[in-house]
């Protein structure tokens, strides 16, 4: 069994196609297929069901691939330990970020990170929390930025910043005298994100209500929520950083949440066995250049991350 064979089975599982997997690994398809067949013979099991289109791993194959990812990740960490002795940060970094944070971080993050760390091969994906956790645990992701706490026993959360929520009301509600309290928001007119968005769960948690509204449509993005409120009335709850995306006219529709303010914690999340300390600090330092200083975690302002 070789690391190359492990890379090949992980690639086939990802692409679900032998030719595309071979192209991704920069080898010919016969070479890749032959190496995987030799691994199957060595282990005495069939890793892929080749009768399926697209190709699928067998039940035992899925377990083998999961372990292969962990082994490859461990090798990557060994390489990182060697690289940490040099002056240049290099290597591969696979990151993910949730959709309700991405608009405020990703556009600036990509440019700043590539400028400061040109030798790092960065892949940044947008996905929901459930899938991020799965991919952190199987080592297909190195780290992620998402709303916490997650309270997962195998993950480490490093707080980056704290962001308040605000109310966005419809133009028709501008003149109405509403006092929005976190534990007593109006029963009617609340528009929310679809199931699966962590922001939806945070909204229901802090306003102490069951997961139901008087409207039938649930939006897929905060931008859509704002447009729905503008045209259909009611109100929604948006993160503080989204205020910068609003027009001057829309800014008149912002209302604070009081008693107490509603806040979400945004953290850098890794597996507890992650070792690439310099890479963590590179990501955290880039975030610090984008997020307003008053929102940053106090420890992050003063100290580097230590594992």
Protein backbone atom coordinates (compact mmCIF):
# COMPACT_ATOMS: atom_id res chain seq x y z
CA UNK A 1 0.00 0.00 0.00
CA UNK A 2 1.38 3.42 -0.97
CA UNK A 3 0.35 7.01 -0.37
CA UNK A 4 -0.07 7.33 -4.13
CA UNK A 5 -2.69 4.60 -4.10
CA UNK A 6 -4.50 6.35 -1.27
CA UNK A 7 -4.49 9.59 -3.26
CA UNK A 8 -5.97 7.76 -6.24
CA UNK A 9 -8.92 6.23 -4.36
CA UNK A 10 -9.69 9.56 -2.70
CA UNK A 11 -9.65 11.23 -6.13
CA UNK A 12 -12.00 8.64 -7.64
CA UNK A 13 -14.41 9.02 -4.73
CA UNK A 14 -14.36 12.79 -5.18
CA UNK A 15 -14.84 12.81 -8.95
CA UNK A 16 -16.88 9.58 -9.23
CA UNK A 17 -15.13 8.99 -12.54
CA UNK A 18 -11.82 7.23 -13.28
CA UNK A 19 -10.79 9.44 -16.20
CA UNK A 20 -11.46 12.72 -14.35
CA UNK A 21 -9.71 11.36 -11.26
CA UNK A 22 -6.68 10.43 -13.36
CA UNK A 23 -6.58 13.92 -14.87
CA UNK A 24 -6.74 15.46 -11.39
CA UNK A 25 -3.83 13.26 -10.30
CA UNK A 26 -1.83 13.98 -13.49
CA UNK A 27 -1.59 10.32 -14.50
CA UNK A 28 -3.16 8.24 -17.24
CA UNK A 29 -6.43 6.45 -16.57
CA UNK A 30 -4.88 2.96 -17.08
CA UNK A 31 -2.17 3.77 -14.54
CA UNK A 32 -4.66 4.97 -11.95
CA UNK A 33 -7.00 1.99 -12.52
CA UNK A 34 -4.11 -0.46 -12.31
CA UNK A 35 -2.82 1.00 -9.03
CA UNK A 36 -6.29 0.90 -7.48
CA UNK A 37 -6.80 -2.69 -8.66
CA UNK A 38 -3.48 -3.67 -7.04
CA UNK A 39 -4.61 -2.06 -3.78
CA UNK A 40 -7.89 -3.98 -3.90
CA UNK A 41 -5.99 -7.23 -4.47
CA UNK A 42 -3.65 -6.46 -1.57
CA UNK A 43 -6.55 -5.73 0.79
CA UNK A 44 -8.75 -8.50 -0.53
CA UNK A 45 -11.78 -6.23 -0.98
CA UNK A 46 -13.50 -4.28 -3.75
CA UNK A 47 -13.24 -0.55 -3.09
CA UNK A 48 -15.36 0.67 -6.00
CA UNK A 49 -18.51 -0.68 -7.62
CA UNK A 50 -17.58 -0.17 -11.26
CA UNK A 51 -21.03 -1.26 -12.49
CA UNK A 52 -22.52 2.00 -11.18
CA UNK A 53 -22.53 5.17 -13.25
CA UNK A 54 -21.15 7.36 -11.82
CA UNK A 55 -18.86 4.94 -10.04
CA UNK A 56 -19.55 4.50 -6.31
CA UNK A 57 -17.49 3.15 -3.41
CA UNK A 58 -18.67 -0.07 -1.83
CA UNK A 59 -19.62 -0.07 1.85
CA UNK A 60 -16.15 -1.23 2.90
CA UNK A 61 -14.65 1.03 0.24
CA UNK A 62 -16.22 4.10 1.87
CA UNK A 63 -14.59 3.18 5.19
CA UNK A 64 -11.22 2.62 3.53
CA UNK A 65 -11.43 5.98 1.74
CA UNK A 66 -12.31 7.75 5.00
CA UNK A 67 -9.16 6.30 6.59
CA UNK A 68 -7.14 7.19 3.49
CA UNK A 69 -8.16 10.84 3.87
CA UNK A 70 -6.99 10.83 7.47
CA UNK A 71 -3.67 9.21 6.51
CA UNK A 72 -3.09 11.75 3.73
CA UNK A 73 -3.99 14.58 6.10
CA UNK A 74 -1.49 13.27 8.66
CA UNK A 75 1.21 13.22 5.98
CA UNK A 76 0.33 16.78 5.09
CA UNK A 77 0.81 17.78 8.71
CA UNK A 78 4.25 16.16 8.72
CA UNK A 79 5.19 18.20 5.67
CA UNK A 80 3.89 21.32 7.42
CA UNK A 81 6.14 20.66 10.41
CA UNK A 82 9.10 20.62 8.05
CA UNK A 83 7.92 23.76 6.26
CA UNK A 84 7.50 25.53 9.59
CA UNK A 85 11.27 25.53 9.92
CA UNK A 86 11.59 27.67 6.79
CA UNK A 87 10.85 31.37 6.38
CA UNK A 88 8.16 30.93 3.73
CA UNK A 89 4.70 29.57 4.48
CA UNK A 90 3.73 27.08 1.78
CA UNK A 91 1.55 24.05 1.15
CA UNK A 92 -2.09 23.36 0.44
CA UNK A 93 -4.97 24.88 2.42
CA UNK A 94 -8.54 23.66 1.97
CA UNK A 95 -11.01 25.94 3.74
CA UNK A 96 -14.77 26.36 3.93
CA UNK A 97 -17.04 29.16 5.09
CA UNK A 98 -20.78 29.32 5.70
CA UNK A 99 -22.98 31.35 3.29
CA UNK A 100 -24.08 33.89 5.92
CA UNK A 101 -20.46 34.92 6.53
CA UNK A 102 -18.97 34.54 3.05
CA UNK A 103 -20.16 37.84 1.50
CA UNK A 104 -18.43 39.88 4.20
CA UNK A 105 -15.11 38.00 4.26
CA UNK A 106 -14.40 36.08 1.05
CA UNK A 107 -13.96 38.91 -1.52
CA UNK A 108 -11.26 40.65 0.56
CA UNK A 109 -9.86 37.48 2.10
CA UNK A 110 -8.84 35.88 -1.21
CA UNK A 111 -6.85 38.86 -2.45
CA UNK A 112 -5.17 39.65 0.87
CA UNK A 113 -4.26 36.03 1.60
CA UNK A 114 -2.78 35.42 -1.86
CA UNK A 115 -0.76 38.62 -1.60
CA UNK A 116 0.64 37.84 1.84
CA UNK A 117 1.09 34.08 1.33
CA UNK A 118 1.71 33.52 -2.40
CA UNK A 119 3.18 30.04 -1.89
CA UNK A 120 0.04 28.66 -0.23
CA UNK A 121 -2.32 26.82 -2.57
CA UNK A 122 -5.66 28.07 -1.23
CA UNK A 123 -9.02 26.43 -1.97
CA UNK A 124 -11.97 28.20 -0.36
CA UNK A 125 -15.48 26.71 -0.58
CA UNK A 126 -18.88 27.95 0.58
CA UNK A 127 -21.11 25.35 2.23
CA UNK A 128 -23.52 24.88 5.12
CA UNK A 129 -22.45 23.95 8.63
CA UNK A 130 -23.58 20.30 8.50
CA UNK A 131 -21.41 19.55 5.47
CA UNK A 132 -18.46 21.53 6.82
CA UNK A 133 -18.43 19.44 9.99
CA UNK A 134 -18.53 16.21 7.99
CA UNK A 135 -15.60 17.30 5.83
CA UNK A 136 -13.54 18.54 8.75
CA UNK A 137 -13.96 15.18 10.44
CA UNK A 138 -12.93 13.18 7.36
CA UNK A 139 -9.95 15.54 6.77
CA UNK A 140 -11.09 16.73 3.35
CA UNK A 141 -11.12 20.23 4.89
CA UNK A 142 -8.27 21.72 6.93
CA UNK A 143 -10.26 24.44 8.66
CA UNK A 144 -13.45 26.46 8.39
CA UNK A 145 -14.99 29.75 9.46
CA UNK A 146 -18.47 29.40 10.89
CA UNK A 147 -20.84 30.42 13.66
CA UNK A 148 -20.21 28.77 17.02
CA UNK A 149 -20.52 27.14 19.50
CA UNK A 150 -20.73 23.74 17.83
CA UNK A 151 -19.81 21.74 20.96
CA UNK A 152 -18.38 18.87 18.93
CA UNK A 153 -15.93 16.70 20.92
CA UNK A 154 -13.48 16.30 18.02
CA UNK A 155 -13.37 19.94 16.90
CA UNK A 156 -11.55 22.96 18.31
CA UNK A 157 -13.19 26.40 18.06
CA UNK A 158 -11.02 29.53 18.00
CA UNK A 159 -13.19 32.69 18.30
CA UNK A 160 -12.38 35.36 15.70
CA UNK A 161 -15.03 38.02 16.18
CA UNK A 162 -18.50 38.79 17.52
CA UNK A 163 -21.22 40.22 15.33
CA UNK A 164 -24.49 41.78 16.40
CA UNK A 165 -27.81 41.15 14.72
CA UNK A 166 -30.07 44.02 13.72
CA UNK A 167 -33.67 44.26 12.57
CA UNK A 168 -34.43 45.21 8.98
CA UNK A 169 -38.01 46.52 8.67
CA UNK A 170 -40.09 47.22 5.59
CA UNK A 171 -40.43 50.83 4.38
CA UNK A 172 -44.05 50.72 5.59
CA UNK A 173 -42.82 50.13 9.16
CA UNK A 174 -40.37 53.06 9.21
CA UNK A 175 -42.79 55.38 10.96
CA UNK A 176 -44.13 52.76 13.38
CA UNK A 177 -42.89 52.87 16.95
CA UNK A 178 -41.44 49.39 17.47
CA UNK A 179 -39.09 48.45 20.31
CA UNK A 180 -37.41 45.20 19.34
CA UNK A 181 -36.38 43.04 22.28
CA UNK A 182 -34.44 39.81 21.70
CA UNK A 183 -36.86 37.74 23.78
CA UNK A 184 -40.07 39.38 22.56
CA UNK A 185 -40.07 40.05 18.83
CA UNK A 186 -43.35 40.65 16.93
CA UNK A 187 -45.21 37.40 16.25
CA UNK A 188 -46.15 38.29 12.70
CA UNK A 189 -44.17 39.38 9.67
CA UNK A 190 -40.81 37.67 10.33
CA UNK A 191 -39.06 36.36 7.20
CA UNK A 192 -36.32 33.76 7.75
CA UNK A 193 -33.70 31.71 5.92
CA UNK A 194 -34.34 28.16 4.74
CA UNK A 195 -33.85 25.10 6.92
CA UNK A 196 -30.21 24.17 7.22
CA UNK A 197 -28.82 27.70 7.60
CA UNK A 198 -27.25 28.16 11.04
CA UNK A 199 -28.36 31.81 11.04
CA UNK A 200 -31.98 30.62 10.99
CA UNK A 201 -31.36 28.52 14.12
CA UNK A 202 -29.60 31.41 15.87
CA UNK A 203 -32.56 33.70 15.17
CA UNK A 204 -35.03 31.24 16.65
CA UNK A 205 -32.77 30.59 19.63
CA UNK A 206 -32.37 34.19 20.74
CA UNK A 207 -35.97 35.24 20.12
CA UNK A 208 -37.42 32.26 22.01
CA UNK A 209 -39.96 31.15 19.45
CA UNK A 210 -40.84 27.92 17.74
CA UNK A 211 -39.54 27.45 14.23
CA UNK A 212 -42.51 28.78 12.34
CA UNK A 213 -43.65 32.08 10.80
CA UNK A 214 -46.81 33.37 9.23
CA UNK A 215 -45.23 33.35 5.75
CA UNK A 216 -44.81 30.38 3.43
CA UNK A 217 -41.61 31.48 1.68
CA UNK A 218 -38.18 31.01 3.28
CA UNK A 219 -35.28 32.70 1.51
CA UNK A 220 -31.92 31.22 0.56
CA UNK A 221 -29.84 34.38 1.15
CA UNK A 222 -29.84 37.52 3.26
CA UNK A 223 -29.99 39.70 0.12
CA UNK A 224 -33.21 37.93 -0.86
CA UNK A 225 -34.65 38.42 2.62
CA UNK A 226 -34.02 42.17 2.39
CA UNK A 227 -35.69 42.41 -1.03
CA UNK A 228 -38.69 40.40 0.20
CA UNK A 229 -39.16 42.78 3.13
CA UNK A 230 -38.83 45.83 0.85
CA UNK A 231 -41.60 44.61 -1.44
CA UNK A 232 -43.88 42.56 0.83
CA UNK A 233 -43.69 44.16 4.26
CA UNK A 234 -42.79 42.62 7.60
CA UNK A 235 -39.24 42.42 8.89
CA UNK A 236 -36.16 40.20 9.02
CA UNK A 237 -33.01 39.83 11.11
CA UNK A 238 -29.61 40.42 9.49
CA UNK A 239 -25.96 40.37 10.63
CA UNK A 240 -24.33 43.71 11.41
CA UNK A 241 -21.81 43.42 8.56
CA UNK A 242 -24.64 43.25 6.02
CA UNK A 243 -25.45 46.90 6.77
CA UNK A 244 -22.58 47.89 4.47
CA UNK A 245 -24.45 46.26 1.55
CA UNK A 246 -27.54 48.45 1.98
CA UNK A 247 -28.38 51.61 0.06
CA UNK A 248 -28.79 54.96 1.83
CA UNK A 249 -32.55 54.53 1.55
CA UNK A 250 -32.45 51.04 3.02
CA UNK A 251 -30.31 52.20 5.95
CA UNK A 252 -33.40 54.02 7.24
CA UNK A 253 -34.97 50.59 7.80
CA UNK A 254 -32.39 49.38 10.36
CA UNK A 255 -33.48 48.97 13.99
CA UNK A 256 -31.35 47.73 16.93
CA UNK A 257 -32.17 44.68 19.06
CA UNK A 258 -32.07 45.43 22.77
CA UNK A 259 -32.28 43.78 26.20
CA UNK A 260 -29.77 42.22 25.61
CA UNK A 261 -28.29 42.73 22.13
CA UNK A 262 -28.31 39.59 19.98
CA UNK A 263 -24.78 38.53 19.02
CA UNK A 264 -23.25 35.63 17.12
CA UNK A 265 -19.74 34.27 17.66
CA UNK A 266 -17.69 33.59 14.53
CA UNK A 267 -14.82 31.14 14.92
CA UNK A 268 -12.05 29.37 13.08
CA UNK A 269 -12.75 25.64 13.50
CA UNK A 270 -10.27 22.77 13.12
CA UNK A 271 -9.92 19.14 14.15
CA UNK A 272 -8.35 18.77 17.58
CA UNK A 273 -5.39 16.93 16.05
CA UNK A 274 -4.59 19.73 13.58
CA UNK A 275 -0.93 20.83 13.81
CA UNK A 276 -0.41 23.61 11.26
CA UNK A 277 -0.09 26.50 13.69
CA UNK A 278 1.47 28.92 11.22
CA UNK A 279 -1.34 28.34 8.73
CA UNK A 280 -3.94 29.01 11.43
CA UNK A 281 -2.30 32.29 12.29
CA UNK A 282 -2.04 33.25 8.62
CA UNK A 283 -5.82 32.84 8.26
CA UNK A 284 -6.54 34.62 11.54
CA UNK A 285 -4.22 37.52 10.67
CA UNK A 286 -5.97 37.93 7.31
CA UNK A 287 -9.39 38.04 9.01
CA UNK A 288 -8.06 40.66 11.44
CA UNK A 289 -7.28 42.95 8.48
CA UNK A 290 -10.88 42.73 7.22
CA UNK A 291 -13.13 42.77 10.30
CA UNK A 292 -13.49 46.04 12.27
CA UNK A 293 -11.21 45.97 15.31
CA UNK A 294 -14.02 46.56 17.80
CA UNK A 295 -15.64 43.28 16.70
CA UNK A 296 -12.52 41.12 17.11
CA UNK A 297 -12.09 38.72 19.99
CA UNK A 298 -9.90 40.37 22.64
CA UNK A 299 -7.48 37.42 22.78
CA UNK A 300 -7.03 37.50 19.02
CA UNK A 301 -6.05 41.17 19.20
CA UNK A 302 -3.25 40.46 21.67
CA UNK A 303 -1.96 36.95 21.06
CA UNK A 304 -1.05 34.52 18.32
CA UNK A 305 -2.90 31.20 18.20
CA UNK A 306 -1.02 28.41 19.99
CA UNK A 307 -1.88 24.75 19.62
